[in-house]
Amino acid sequence: MSAPVKCPICKKPTNPTHKPFCSERCQQVDLGRWLKGNYVVPGRPEDDSEQLPDADDHA
């Protein structure tokens, strides 16, 4: 038998309605962390030569 899944924010048991969180509050806390930039998905380092030209450059 597997261990019960815990909310990644407060560590309480998850609620199927808000899975993988325990409540709407924890869902909102997590969303706020994403929006503030606390969580980052790793990617390649930016290279200036690969950036798309600005719309102003087409004039």
Protein backbone atom coordinates (compact mmCIF):
# COMPACT_ATOMS: atom_id res chain seq x y z
CA MET A 1 0.00 0.00 0.00
CA SER A 2 1.36 3.45 -0.88
CA ALA A 3 1.67 6.31 1.58
CA PRO A 4 -1.08 8.95 1.43
CA VAL A 5 -0.23 11.92 -0.76
CA LYS A 6 0.39 15.15 1.14
CA CYS A 7 -0.27 18.71 0.05
CA PRO A 8 2.98 20.25 -1.26
CA ILE A 9 2.18 23.54 0.50
CA CYS A 10 1.07 22.60 4.04
CA LYS A 11 1.72 18.82 4.12
CA LYS A 12 -1.87 17.96 5.12
CA PRO A 13 -3.58 15.01 3.36
CA THR A 14 -4.84 15.95 -0.10
CA ASN A 15 -8.49 16.49 -0.93
CA PRO A 16 -9.68 14.88 -4.21
CA THR A 17 -11.51 18.10 -5.07
CA HIS A 18 -8.27 20.12 -4.92
CA LYS A 19 -5.71 17.43 -5.76
CA PRO A 20 -2.72 17.61 -5.40
CA PHE A 21 -3.55 20.20 -2.73
CA CYS A 22 -5.69 19.99 0.40
CA SER A 23 -7.73 23.14 -0.18
CA GLU A 24 -8.43 26.05 -2.50
CA ARG A 25 -6.22 28.20 -0.26
CA CYS A 26 -3.19 26.01 -0.94
CA GLN A 27 -4.00 26.04 -4.67
CA GLN A 28 -3.98 29.84 -4.59
CA VAL A 29 -0.73 29.98 -2.61
CA ASP A 30 0.91 27.75 -5.22
CA LEU A 31 -0.45 29.85 -8.11
CA GLY A 32 0.84 33.00 -6.43
CA ARG A 33 4.30 31.47 -6.13
CA TRP A 34 4.32 30.66 -9.86
CA LEU A 35 3.15 34.16 -10.77
CA LYS A 36 5.75 35.84 -8.53
CA GLY A 37 8.52 33.77 -10.12
CA ASN A 38 9.34 31.69 -7.04
CA TYR A 39 9.15 28.58 -9.22
CA VAL A 40 11.14 28.39 -12.43
CA VAL A 41 11.18 25.74 -15.14
CA PRO A 42 14.81 25.35 -16.22
CA GLY A 43 15.66 26.05 -19.82
CA ARG A 44 18.54 26.89 -22.08
CA PRO A 45 20.49 30.06 -21.38
CA GLU A 46 19.34 32.92 -23.60
CA ASP A 47 21.50 33.82 -26.56
CA ASP A 48 21.00 37.33 -27.97
CA SER A 49 21.56 36.08 -31.52
CA GLU A 50 18.55 33.74 -31.25
CA GLN A 51 16.06 36.43 -30.20
CA LEU A 52 13.34 37.34 -32.66
CA PRO A 53 13.53 40.87 -34.11
CA ASP A 54 11.21 43.49 -32.65
CA ALA A 55 8.26 44.68 -34.72
CA ASP A 56 9.99 48.09 -34.97
CA ASP A 57 12.92 46.50 -36.86
CA HIS A 58 10.68 45.82 -39.88
CA ALA A 59 10.23 49.50 -40.75
